[in-house]
């Protein structure tokens, strides 16, 4: 195949010259002397390096979208802590920075399993039942998105992804906060999009939780409904799937261009779950341990399926 390049009038190629200086005529690549071909390769290499540098600079200056993921499950025991840990583990494995907030002070799973700081995540606590605490949490989110110079005159990296797990019986407190126009303020003043994650079982109360959540969040948030397969096969969640009110909510959100994703959370064999719980191991540590190969394989399979469910959500 014949390739052509642009050359200057003297037939010489200057690797440091401007591109416009070598537009005089087209010649065949095979007609160049070895010296000219070498100079051409140097020029192409310089251009490629400049292009790569421009792309790297563009990626550094690109601001990731701001997102607050709030995990809600109404009553305790539906599996929201399990989903939260899976989501946090996914972000860590993908080396995505995240700030996770554990508001369950009676059973702080995130702190127990992940500690306070990691390479790509940090865990904070929040007592949502204390007056004004959720307001201070929102203030802290703003400071972390737009950090100031620290004591060493260094600028900490801005955070853009936040994860909040609500404890049982906190729905009314959260509802009052939403009614104070938190969602409007977050979106309009700070460019934060909120995603509500609702983990459900097969009971009718789970359907009521979604209906209630929609009643005060409306189309101001994105929704992810997680069917916890610990409670049965996907087809057995008939109270949710067959609810006419749920279908109406989906249609209203569709018209407003707001996504509602239906996903599942795989069931982790009780034997493997109990081992992680007893040892306070993260999913990653459960995969790396060599004491129980059965647990290793079960956890690895569970996490792989979990990640497939939440991908692109």
C-alpha atoms as a PDB file:
ATOM      1  CA  UNK A   1       0.000   0.000   0.000  1.00  0.00           C
ATOM      2  CA  UNK A   2       1.313   3.448  -0.919  1.00  0.00           C
ATOM      3  CA  UNK A   3       1.423   6.096   1.802  1.00  0.00           C
ATOM      4  CA  UNK A   4       1.923   9.819   1.207  1.00  0.00           C
ATOM      5  CA  UNK A   5       3.275  12.573   3.415  1.00  0.00           C
ATOM      6  CA  UNK A   6       3.767  16.329   3.122  1.00  0.00           C
ATOM      7  CA  UNK A   7       7.282  17.610   2.488  1.00  0.00           C
ATOM      8  CA  UNK A   8       8.905  21.045   2.156  1.00  0.00           C
ATOM      9  CA  UNK A   9      10.257  22.413  -1.144  1.00  0.00           C
ATOM     10  CA  UNK A  10      13.884  21.462  -0.399  1.00  0.00           C
ATOM     11  CA  UNK A  11      12.997  17.836   0.201  1.00  0.00           C
ATOM     12  CA  UNK A  12      14.203  17.963   3.821  1.00  0.00           C
ATOM     13  CA  UNK A  13      12.139  17.173   6.919  1.00  0.00           C
ATOM     14  CA  UNK A  14      12.724  19.173  10.071  1.00  0.00           C
ATOM     15  CA  UNK A  15      11.345  17.372  13.141  1.00  0.00           C
ATOM     16  CA  UNK A  16      10.944  20.665  15.007  1.00  0.00           C
ATOM     17  CA  UNK A  17       9.277  22.574  12.201  1.00  0.00           C
ATOM     18  CA  UNK A  18       5.637  23.611  12.201  1.00  0.00           C
ATOM     19  CA  UNK A  19       3.238  21.357  10.288  1.00  0.00           C
ATOM     20  CA  UNK A  20       2.468  24.146   7.809  1.00  0.00           C
ATOM     21  CA  UNK A  21       6.137  24.202   6.804  1.00  0.00           C
ATOM     22  CA  UNK A  22       5.911  20.762   5.215  1.00  0.00           C
ATOM     23  CA  UNK A  23       2.767  21.169   3.113  1.00  0.00           C
ATOM     24  CA  UNK A  24       4.411  22.121  -0.188  1.00  0.00           C
ATOM     25  CA  UNK A  25       4.069  18.854  -2.061  1.00  0.00           C
ATOM     26  CA  UNK A  26       3.118  15.186  -1.656  1.00  0.00           C
ATOM     27  CA  UNK A  27       5.698  12.500  -2.225  1.00  0.00           C
ATOM     28  CA  UNK A  28       5.683   8.773  -1.800  1.00  0.00           C
ATOM     29  CA  UNK A  29       7.095   7.440   1.463  1.00  0.00           C
ATOM     30  CA  UNK A  30       9.322   5.044  -0.446  1.00  0.00           C
ATOM     31  CA  UNK A  31      10.965   7.990  -2.263  1.00  0.00           C
ATOM     32  CA  UNK A  32      12.468   9.356   0.986  1.00  0.00           C
ATOM     33  CA  UNK A  33      16.068   8.749   1.894  1.00  0.00           C
ATOM     34  CA  UNK A  34      16.733   6.759   5.111  1.00  0.00           C
ATOM     35  CA  UNK A  35      17.727  10.012   6.834  1.00  0.00           C
ATOM     36  CA  UNK A  36      14.453  11.683   5.793  1.00  0.00           C
ATOM     37  CA  UNK A  37      12.442   8.678   6.959  1.00  0.00           C
ATOM     38  CA  UNK A  38      14.178   8.849  10.347  1.00  0.00           C
ATOM     39  CA  UNK A  39      13.384  12.561  10.652  1.00  0.00           C
ATOM     40  CA  UNK A  40       9.769  11.829   9.710  1.00  0.00           C
ATOM     41  CA  UNK A  41       9.452   9.198  12.442  1.00  0.00           C
ATOM     42  CA  UNK A  42      10.855  11.669  14.982  1.00  0.00           C
ATOM     43  CA  UNK A  43       8.324  14.275  13.886  1.00  0.00           C
ATOM     44  CA  UNK A  44       5.440  11.815  14.180  1.00  0.00           C
ATOM     45  CA  UNK A  45       6.655  10.771  17.633  1.00  0.00           C
ATOM     46  CA  UNK A  46       6.801  14.399  18.788  1.00  0.00           C
ATOM     47  CA  UNK A  47       3.278  15.006  17.503  1.00  0.00           C
ATOM     48  CA  UNK A  48       1.963  11.862  19.239  1.00  0.00           C
ATOM     49  CA  UNK A  49       3.595  12.902  22.531  1.00  0.00           C
ATOM     50  CA  UNK A  50       2.059  16.377  22.280  1.00  0.00           C
ATOM     51  CA  UNK A  51      -1.351  14.839  21.619  1.00  0.00           C
ATOM     52  CA  UNK A  52      -1.032  12.471  24.599  1.00  0.00           C
ATOM     53  CA  UNK A  53       0.004  15.360  26.848  1.00  0.00           C
ATOM     54  CA  UNK A  54      -3.018  17.369  25.765  1.00  0.00           C
ATOM     55  CA  UNK A  55      -5.309  14.417  26.504  1.00  0.00           C
ATOM     56  CA  UNK A  56      -3.771  13.921  29.962  1.00  0.00           C
ATOM     57  CA  UNK A  57      -4.177  17.603  30.779  1.00  0.00           C
ATOM     58  CA  UNK A  58      -7.794  17.466  29.641  1.00  0.00           C
ATOM     59  CA  UNK A  59      -8.481  14.426  31.849  1.00  0.00           C
ATOM     60  CA  UNK A  60      -6.930  16.112  34.882  1.00  0.00           C
ATOM     61  CA  UNK A  61      -9.050  19.236  34.485  1.00  0.00           C
ATOM     62  CA  UNK A  62     -12.240  17.285  33.775  1.00  0.00           C
ATOM     63  CA  UNK A  63     -14.530  17.434  36.801  1.00  0.00           C
ATOM     64  CA  UNK A  64     -16.390  14.176  37.513  1.00  0.00           C
ATOM     65  CA  UNK A  65     -20.138  14.496  38.096  1.00  0.00           C
ATOM     66  CA  UNK A  66     -21.155  14.915  41.722  1.00  0.00           C
ATOM     67  CA  UNK A  67     -23.284  12.094  43.051  1.00  0.00           C
ATOM     68  CA  UNK A  68     -24.790  11.278  46.444  1.00  0.00           C
ATOM     69  CA  UNK A  69     -25.985   7.678  46.743  1.00  0.00           C
ATOM     70  CA  UNK A  70     -28.399   7.128  49.649  1.00  0.00           C
ATOM     71  CA  UNK A  71     -29.226   3.547  50.615  1.00  0.00           C
ATOM     72  CA  UNK A  72     -32.610   3.117  52.266  1.00  0.00           C
ATOM     73  CA  UNK A  73     -34.468   0.023  53.285  1.00  0.00           C
ATOM     74  CA  UNK A  74     -37.020   1.222  55.786  1.00  0.00           C
ATOM     75  CA  UNK A  75     -36.932  -1.480  58.420  1.00  0.00           C
ATOM     76  CA  UNK A  76     -33.792  -3.358  59.360  1.00  0.00           C
ATOM     77  CA  UNK A  77     -32.906  -6.768  58.002  1.00  0.00           C
ATOM     78  CA  UNK A  78     -33.667  -6.255  54.304  1.00  0.00           C
ATOM     79  CA  UNK A  79     -29.994  -6.300  53.278  1.00  0.00           C
ATOM     80  CA  UNK A  80     -29.131  -2.636  52.757  1.00  0.00           C
ATOM     81  CA  UNK A  81     -25.828  -2.960  54.670  1.00  0.00           C
ATOM     82  CA  UNK A  82     -24.868  -5.885  52.435  1.00  0.00           C
ATOM     83  CA  UNK A  83     -25.600  -3.834  49.308  1.00  0.00           C
ATOM     84  CA  UNK A  84     -23.733  -0.828  50.694  1.00  0.00           C
ATOM     85  CA  UNK A  85     -20.647  -2.911  51.397  1.00  0.00           C
ATOM     86  CA  UNK A  86     -20.824  -4.404  47.913  1.00  0.00           C
ATOM     87  CA  UNK A  87     -21.061  -0.973  46.302  1.00  0.00           C
ATOM     88  CA  UNK A  88     -18.182   0.351  48.408  1.00  0.00           C
ATOM     89  CA  UNK A  89     -16.050  -2.684  47.545  1.00  0.00           C
ATOM     90  CA  UNK A  90     -16.780  -2.152  43.850  1.00  0.00           C
ATOM     91  CA  UNK A  91     -15.616   1.478  44.022  1.00  0.00           C
ATOM     92  CA  UNK A  92     -12.445   0.448  45.867  1.00  0.00           C
ATOM     93  CA  UNK A  93     -11.675  -2.281  43.314  1.00  0.00           C
ATOM     94  CA  UNK A  94     -12.188   0.210  40.484  1.00  0.00           C
ATOM     95  CA  UNK A  95      -9.938   2.721  42.295  1.00  0.00           C
ATOM     96  CA  UNK A  96     -12.710   5.275  42.342  1.00  0.00           C
ATOM     97  CA  UNK A  97     -12.567   7.790  45.173  1.00  0.00           C
ATOM     98  CA  UNK A  98     -15.564   7.660  47.496  1.00  0.00           C
ATOM     99  CA  UNK A  99     -16.629   9.009  50.866  1.00  0.00           C
ATOM    100  CA  UNK A 100     -18.926   6.585  52.701  1.00  0.00           C
ATOM    101  CA  UNK A 101     -21.036   7.685  55.653  1.00  0.00           C
ATOM    102  CA  UNK A 102     -22.250   5.121  58.182  1.00  0.00           C
ATOM    103  CA  UNK A 103     -25.301   6.478  59.973  1.00  0.00           C
ATOM    104  CA  UNK A 104     -26.095   3.225  61.788  1.00  0.00           C
ATOM    105  CA  UNK A 105     -24.477   3.940  65.139  1.00  0.00           C
ATOM    106  CA  UNK A 106     -25.867   0.790  66.763  1.00  0.00           C
ATOM    107  CA  UNK A 107     -24.275  -1.481  64.148  1.00  0.00           C
ATOM    108  CA  UNK A 108     -21.683   0.472  62.104  1.00  0.00           C
ATOM    109  CA  UNK A 109     -20.820  -2.166  59.518  1.00  0.00           C
ATOM    110  CA  UNK A 110     -18.809   0.121  57.245  1.00  0.00           C
ATOM    111  CA  UNK A 111     -16.424   1.138  60.021  1.00  0.00           C
ATOM    112  CA  UNK A 112     -16.225  -2.421  61.254  1.00  0.00           C
ATOM    113  CA  UNK A 113     -15.259  -3.881  57.894  1.00  0.00           C
ATOM    114  CA  UNK A 114     -13.396  -1.035  56.204  1.00  0.00           C
ATOM    115  CA  UNK A 115     -12.007   1.144  58.989  1.00  0.00           C
ATOM    116  CA  UNK A 116     -11.838   4.912  58.666  1.00  0.00           C
ATOM    117  CA  UNK A 117      -9.454   5.376  55.759  1.00  0.00           C
ATOM    118  CA  UNK A 118      -8.286   3.472  52.747  1.00  0.00           C
ATOM    119  CA  UNK A 119      -6.369   4.248  49.585  1.00  0.00           C
ATOM    120  CA  UNK A 120      -9.479   5.288  47.685  1.00  0.00           C
ATOM    121  CA  UNK A 121     -12.126   5.636  50.373  1.00  0.00           C
ATOM    122  CA  UNK A 122     -12.777   7.166  53.729  1.00  0.00           C
ATOM    123  CA  UNK A 123     -15.502   6.238  56.189  1.00  0.00           C
ATOM    124  CA  UNK A 124     -17.303   8.741  58.370  1.00  0.00           C
ATOM    125  CA  UNK A 125     -19.996   8.382  61.007  1.00  0.00           C
ATOM    126  CA  UNK A 126     -23.232  10.289  61.312  1.00  0.00           C
ATOM    127  CA  UNK A 127     -25.762  10.236  64.140  1.00  0.00           C
ATOM    128  CA  UNK A 128     -28.812  11.077  62.083  1.00  0.00           C
ATOM    129  CA  UNK A 129     -31.054  11.048  65.152  1.00  0.00           C
ATOM    130  CA  UNK A 130     -29.234  14.025  66.649  1.00  0.00           C
ATOM    131  CA  UNK A 131     -30.824  17.375  65.795  1.00  0.00           C
ATOM    132  CA  UNK A 132     -28.971  19.203  63.030  1.00  0.00           C
ATOM    133  CA  UNK A 133     -26.578  16.342  62.285  1.00  0.00           C
ATOM    134  CA  UNK A 134     -27.839  15.762  58.756  1.00  0.00           C
ATOM    135  CA  UNK A 135     -27.530  19.489  58.071  1.00  0.00           C
ATOM    136  CA  UNK A 136     -23.899  19.414  59.204  1.00  0.00           C
ATOM    137  CA  UNK A 137     -23.368  16.355  57.021  1.00  0.00           C
ATOM    138  CA  UNK A 138     -24.510  18.313  53.973  1.00  0.00           C
ATOM    139  CA  UNK A 139     -22.175  21.179  54.938  1.00  0.00           C
ATOM    140  CA  UNK A 140     -19.309  18.691  55.182  1.00  0.00           C
ATOM    141  CA  UNK A 141     -20.124  17.318  51.735  1.00  0.00           C
ATOM    142  CA  UNK A 142     -19.851  20.827  50.302  1.00  0.00           C
ATOM    143  CA  UNK A 143     -16.458  21.392  51.960  1.00  0.00           C
ATOM    144  CA  UNK A 144     -15.139  18.108  50.588  1.00  0.00           C
ATOM    145  CA  UNK A 145     -16.343  18.927  47.075  1.00  0.00           C
ATOM    146  CA  UNK A 146     -14.678  22.340  47.223  1.00  0.00           C
ATOM    147  CA  UNK A 147     -11.744  21.851  49.633  1.00  0.00           C
ATOM    148  CA  UNK A 148      -9.565  24.634  50.996  1.00  0.00           C
ATOM    149  CA  UNK A 149      -5.813  24.608  51.564  1.00  0.00           C
ATOM    150  CA  UNK A 150      -4.778  22.431  54.490  1.00  0.00           C
ATOM    151  CA  UNK A 151      -2.256  23.271  57.230  1.00  0.00           C
ATOM    152  CA  UNK A 152       0.583  22.372  54.858  1.00  0.00           C
ATOM    153  CA  UNK A 153      -0.750  24.794  52.235  1.00  0.00           C
ATOM    154  CA  UNK A 154      -1.728  21.837  50.063  1.00  0.00           C
ATOM    155  CA  UNK A 155      -5.070  21.510  48.286  1.00  0.00           C
ATOM    156  CA  UNK A 156      -6.752  18.149  49.009  1.00  0.00           C
ATOM    157  CA  UNK A 157      -8.329  16.430  46.003  1.00  0.00           C
ATOM    158  CA  UNK A 158     -12.024  17.303  45.636  1.00  0.00           C
ATOM    159  CA  UNK A 159     -14.508  14.527  46.328  1.00  0.00           C
ATOM    160  CA  UNK A 160     -17.401  13.857  43.965  1.00  0.00           C
ATOM    161  CA  UNK A 161     -18.942  10.557  45.070  1.00  0.00           C
ATOM    162  CA  UNK A 162     -20.653  10.122  48.432  1.00  0.00           C
ATOM    163  CA  UNK A 163     -22.418   7.098  49.887  1.00  0.00           C
ATOM    164  CA  UNK A 164     -24.850   7.341  52.812  1.00  0.00           C
ATOM    165  CA  UNK A 165     -26.533   4.345  54.410  1.00  0.00           C
ATOM    166  CA  UNK A 166     -29.595   5.298  56.436  1.00  0.00           C
ATOM    167  CA  UNK A 167     -30.268   3.316  59.619  1.00  0.00           C
ATOM    168  CA  UNK A 168     -33.615   1.643  60.400  1.00  0.00           C
ATOM    169  CA  UNK A 169     -36.425   3.892  61.630  1.00  0.00           C
ATOM    170  CA  UNK A 170     -34.848   7.049  60.172  1.00  0.00           C
ATOM    171  CA  UNK A 171     -37.319   7.565  57.316  1.00  0.00           C
ATOM    172  CA  UNK A 172     -39.269  10.377  59.032  1.00  0.00           C
ATOM    173  CA  UNK A 173     -36.108  12.317  59.884  1.00  0.00           C
ATOM    174  CA  UNK A 174     -34.893  11.969  56.304  1.00  0.00           C
ATOM    175  CA  UNK A 175     -38.317  12.960  54.979  1.00  0.00           C
ATOM    176  CA  UNK A 176     -38.339  16.198  57.013  1.00  0.00           C
ATOM    177  CA  UNK A 177     -34.892  17.044  55.665  1.00  0.00           C
ATOM    178  CA  UNK A 178     -36.054  16.489  52.076  1.00  0.00           C
ATOM    179  CA  UNK A 179     -39.089  18.700  52.708  1.00  0.00           C
ATOM    180  CA  UNK A 180     -36.700  21.543  53.572  1.00  0.00           C
ATOM    181  CA  UNK A 181     -35.765  21.581  49.865  1.00  0.00           C
ATOM    182  CA  UNK A 182     -32.523  19.679  50.285  1.00  0.00           C
ATOM    183  CA  UNK A 183     -32.809  18.113  46.828  1.00  0.00           C
ATOM    184  CA  UNK A 184     -33.464  21.433  45.104  1.00  0.00           C
ATOM    185  CA  UNK A 185     -30.537  23.056  46.928  1.00  0.00           C
ATOM    186  CA  UNK A 186     -28.210  20.159  46.152  1.00  0.00           C
ATOM    187  CA  UNK A 187     -29.072  20.211  42.440  1.00  0.00           C
ATOM    188  CA  UNK A 188     -29.340  23.944  41.762  1.00  0.00           C
ATOM    189  CA  UNK A 189     -26.600  25.363  44.010  1.00  0.00           C
ATOM    190  CA  UNK A 190     -24.051  22.540  44.176  1.00  0.00           C
ATOM    191  CA  UNK A 191     -24.702  20.411  41.079  1.00  0.00           C
ATOM    192  CA  UNK A 192     -25.249  17.252  43.135  1.00  0.00           C
ATOM    193  CA  UNK A 193     -27.474  14.508  41.760  1.00  0.00           C
ATOM    194  CA  UNK A 194     -29.023  12.149  44.322  1.00  0.00           C
ATOM    195  CA  UNK A 195     -29.637   8.462  43.716  1.00  0.00           C
ATOM    196  CA  UNK A 196     -31.983   6.648  46.107  1.00  0.00           C
ATOM    197  CA  UNK A 197     -31.292   2.934  46.510  1.00  0.00           C
ATOM    198  CA  UNK A 198     -34.160   0.952  48.013  1.00  0.00           C
ATOM    199  CA  UNK A 199     -33.390  -2.624  49.050  1.00  0.00           C
ATOM    200  CA  UNK A 200     -36.535  -4.730  49.248  1.00  0.00           C
ATOM    201  CA  UNK A 201     -37.698  -8.165  50.333  1.00  0.00           C
ATOM    202  CA  UNK A 202     -40.822  -9.978  49.126  1.00  0.00           C
ATOM    203  CA  UNK A 203     -43.214  -8.575  51.719  1.00  0.00           C
ATOM    204  CA  UNK A 204     -45.822  -5.946  50.866  1.00  0.00           C
ATOM    205  CA  UNK A 205     -44.174  -3.451  53.192  1.00  0.00           C
ATOM    206  CA  UNK A 206     -41.299  -3.139  50.711  1.00  0.00           C
ATOM    207  CA  UNK A 207     -43.750  -1.887  48.083  1.00  0.00           C
ATOM    208  CA  UNK A 208     -45.106   0.635  50.576  1.00  0.00           C
ATOM    209  CA  UNK A 209     -41.554   1.849  51.223  1.00  0.00           C
ATOM    210  CA  UNK A 210     -41.091   2.748  47.553  1.00  0.00           C
ATOM    211  CA  UNK A 211     -44.489   4.437  47.344  1.00  0.00           C
ATOM    212  CA  UNK A 212     -43.728   6.500  50.449  1.00  0.00           C
ATOM    213  CA  UNK A 213     -40.231   7.389  49.211  1.00  0.00           C
ATOM    214  CA  UNK A 214     -41.627   8.577  45.880  1.00  0.00           C
ATOM    215  CA  UNK A 215     -44.268  10.674  47.653  1.00  0.00           C
ATOM    216  CA  UNK A 216     -41.642  13.117  48.949  1.00  0.00           C
ATOM    217  CA  UNK A 217     -38.718  12.628  46.534  1.00  0.00           C
ATOM    218  CA  UNK A 218     -40.731  12.547  43.307  1.00  0.00           C
ATOM    219  CA  UNK A 219     -38.730  13.055  40.136  1.00  0.00           C
ATOM    220  CA  UNK A 220     -35.945  14.953  41.897  1.00  0.00           C
ATOM    221  CA  UNK A 221     -33.836  11.793  42.353  1.00  0.00           C
ATOM    222  CA  UNK A 222     -32.838   8.695  40.432  1.00  0.00           C
ATOM    223  CA  UNK A 223     -34.032   5.351  41.793  1.00  0.00           C
ATOM    224  CA  UNK A 224     -32.490   1.905  42.094  1.00  0.00           C
ATOM    225  CA  UNK A 225     -34.735  -0.839  43.466  1.00  0.00           C
ATOM    226  CA  UNK A 226     -32.754  -3.841  44.654  1.00  0.00           C
ATOM    227  CA  UNK A 227     -34.523  -7.170  45.034  1.00  0.00           C
ATOM    228  CA  UNK A 228     -32.550  -9.125  47.633  1.00  0.00           C
ATOM    229  CA  UNK A 229     -32.486 -12.722  46.375  1.00  0.00           C
ATOM    230  CA  UNK A 230     -31.840 -13.928  49.901  1.00  0.00           C
ATOM    231  CA  UNK A 231     -35.636 -13.806  50.169  1.00  0.00           C
ATOM    232  CA  UNK A 232     -36.370 -15.825  47.043  1.00  0.00           C
ATOM    233  CA  UNK A 233     -35.977 -16.019  43.294  1.00  0.00           C
ATOM    234  CA  UNK A 234     -36.442 -12.907  41.168  1.00  0.00           C
ATOM    235  CA  UNK A 235     -39.794 -14.152  39.901  1.00  0.00           C
ATOM    236  CA  UNK A 236     -41.097 -14.471  43.479  1.00  0.00           C
ATOM    237  CA  UNK A 237     -41.162 -10.698  44.090  1.00  0.00           C
ATOM    238  CA  UNK A 238     -44.715 -10.582  42.763  1.00  0.00           C
ATOM    239  CA  UNK A 239     -45.998  -7.976  45.237  1.00  0.00           C
ATOM    240  CA  UNK A 240     -43.516  -5.510  43.779  1.00  0.00           C
ATOM    241  CA  UNK A 241     -43.725  -6.617  40.143  1.00  0.00           C
ATOM    242  CA  UNK A 242     -47.530  -6.738  40.057  1.00  0.00           C
ATOM    243  CA  UNK A 243     -48.214  -3.539  41.974  1.00  0.00           C
ATOM    244  CA  UNK A 244     -50.295  -1.149  39.862  1.00  0.00           C
ATOM    245  CA  UNK A 245     -49.034   1.810  41.909  1.00  0.00           C
ATOM    246  CA  UNK A 246     -45.414   0.831  41.252  1.00  0.00           C
ATOM    247  CA  UNK A 247     -46.181   0.659  37.533  1.00  0.00           C
ATOM    248  CA  UNK A 248     -47.741   4.134  37.680  1.00  0.00           C
ATOM    249  CA  UNK A 249     -44.629   5.470  39.420  1.00  0.00           C
ATOM    250  CA  UNK A 250     -42.420   3.953  36.724  1.00  0.00           C
ATOM    251  CA  UNK A 251     -44.520   5.534  33.980  1.00  0.00           C
ATOM    252  CA  UNK A 252     -44.419   8.968  35.637  1.00  0.00           C
ATOM    253  CA  UNK A 253     -40.645   8.760  36.028  1.00  0.00           C
ATOM    254  CA  UNK A 254     -40.261   7.590  32.440  1.00  0.00           C
ATOM    255  CA  UNK A 255     -42.196  10.597  31.173  1.00  0.00           C
ATOM    256  CA  UNK A 256     -39.993  12.883  33.274  1.00  0.00           C
ATOM    257  CA  UNK A 257     -36.835  11.237  31.938  1.00  0.00           C
ATOM    258  CA  UNK A 258     -35.857   9.944  35.373  1.00  0.00           C
ATOM    259  CA  UNK A 259     -34.402   6.428  35.541  1.00  0.00           C
ATOM    260  CA  UNK A 260     -35.690   3.722  37.841  1.00  0.00           C
ATOM    261  CA  UNK A 261     -33.426   0.704  37.640  1.00  0.00           C
ATOM    262  CA  UNK A 262     -34.641  -2.724  38.772  1.00  0.00           C
ATOM    263  CA  UNK A 263     -31.696  -4.895  39.783  1.00  0.00           C
ATOM    264  CA  UNK A 264     -31.080  -7.872  42.024  1.00  0.00           C
ATOM    265  CA  UNK A 265     -28.584  -8.637  44.765  1.00  0.00           C
ATOM    266  CA  UNK A 266     -27.338 -12.232  44.702  1.00  0.00           C
ATOM    267  CA  UNK A 267     -27.736 -14.438  47.731  1.00  0.00           C
ATOM    268  CA  UNK A 268     -24.458 -15.251  49.469  1.00  0.00           C
ATOM    269  CA  UNK A 269     -24.360 -18.726  50.975  1.00  0.00           C
ATOM    270  CA  UNK A 270     -24.992 -18.421  54.717  1.00  0.00           C
ATOM    271  CA  UNK A 271     -21.844 -20.385  55.497  1.00  0.00           C
ATOM    272  CA  UNK A 272     -19.698 -17.868  53.593  1.00  0.00           C
ATOM    273  CA  UNK A 273     -21.564 -14.859  55.015  1.00  0.00           C
ATOM    274  CA  UNK A 274     -21.116 -16.105  58.581  1.00  0.00           C
ATOM    275  CA  UNK A 275     -17.377 -16.565  58.026  1.00  0.00           C
ATOM    276  CA  UNK A 276     -16.959 -12.970  56.825  1.00  0.00           C
ATOM    277  CA  UNK A 277     -19.073 -11.756  59.723  1.00  0.00           C
ATOM    278  CA  UNK A 278     -17.135 -13.722  62.323  1.00  0.00           C
ATOM    279  CA  UNK A 279     -13.757 -12.520  61.033  1.00  0.00           C
ATOM    280  CA  UNK A 280     -14.971  -8.990  60.107  1.00  0.00           C
ATOM    281  CA  UNK A 281     -13.564  -9.460  56.598  1.00  0.00           C
ATOM    282  CA  UNK A 282     -14.336  -7.332  53.573  1.00  0.00           C
ATOM    283  CA  UNK A 283     -15.392  -9.112  50.402  1.00  0.00           C
ATOM    284  CA  UNK A 284     -11.898  -8.573  49.022  1.00  0.00           C
ATOM    285  CA  UNK A 285     -10.333 -10.130  52.108  1.00  0.00           C
ATOM    286  CA  UNK A 286     -12.765 -13.028  51.884  1.00  0.00           C
ATOM    287  CA  UNK A 287     -11.520 -13.689  48.361  1.00  0.00           C
ATOM    288  CA  UNK A 288      -7.840 -13.396  49.323  1.00  0.00           C
ATOM    289  CA  UNK A 289      -8.002 -15.663  52.411  1.00  0.00           C
ATOM    290  CA  UNK A 290      -6.802 -19.234  51.922  1.00  0.00           C
ATOM    291  CA  UNK A 291      -8.226 -20.854  55.038  1.00  0.00           C
ATOM    292  CA  UNK A 292     -11.541 -21.843  53.443  1.00  0.00           C
ATOM    293  CA  UNK A 293     -11.484 -22.348  49.653  1.00  0.00           C
ATOM    294  CA  UNK A 294     -15.258 -22.825  49.576  1.00  0.00           C
ATOM    295  CA  UNK A 295     -15.767 -19.372  51.080  1.00  0.00           C
ATOM    296  CA  UNK A 296     -13.215 -17.908  48.684  1.00  0.00           C
ATOM    297  CA  UNK A 297     -15.073 -19.214  45.637  1.00  0.00           C
ATOM    298  CA  UNK A 298     -18.521 -18.272  46.939  1.00  0.00           C
ATOM    299  CA  UNK A 299     -17.527 -14.686  47.763  1.00  0.00           C
ATOM    300  CA  UNK A 300     -15.700 -14.246  44.468  1.00  0.00           C
ATOM    301  CA  UNK A 301     -18.751 -15.424  42.530  1.00  0.00           C
ATOM    302  CA  UNK A 302     -21.088 -13.241  44.608  1.00  0.00           C
ATOM    303  CA  UNK A 303     -19.024 -10.094  44.066  1.00  0.00           C
ATOM    304  CA  UNK A 304     -18.694 -10.730  40.339  1.00  0.00           C
ATOM    305  CA  UNK A 305     -22.471 -11.061  39.979  1.00  0.00           C
ATOM    306  CA  UNK A 306     -23.042  -8.013  42.182  1.00  0.00           C
ATOM    307  CA  UNK A 307     -20.771  -5.876  40.004  1.00  0.00           C
ATOM    308  CA  UNK A 308     -22.566  -7.023  36.870  1.00  0.00           C
ATOM    309  CA  UNK A 309     -25.868  -5.901  38.361  1.00  0.00           C
ATOM    310  CA  UNK A 310     -24.725  -2.386  39.241  1.00  0.00           C
ATOM    311  CA  UNK A 311     -22.641  -1.741  36.131  1.00  0.00           C
ATOM    312  CA  UNK A 312     -23.826   1.332  34.173  1.00  0.00           C
ATOM    313  CA  UNK A 313     -26.405   2.124  36.863  1.00  0.00           C
END
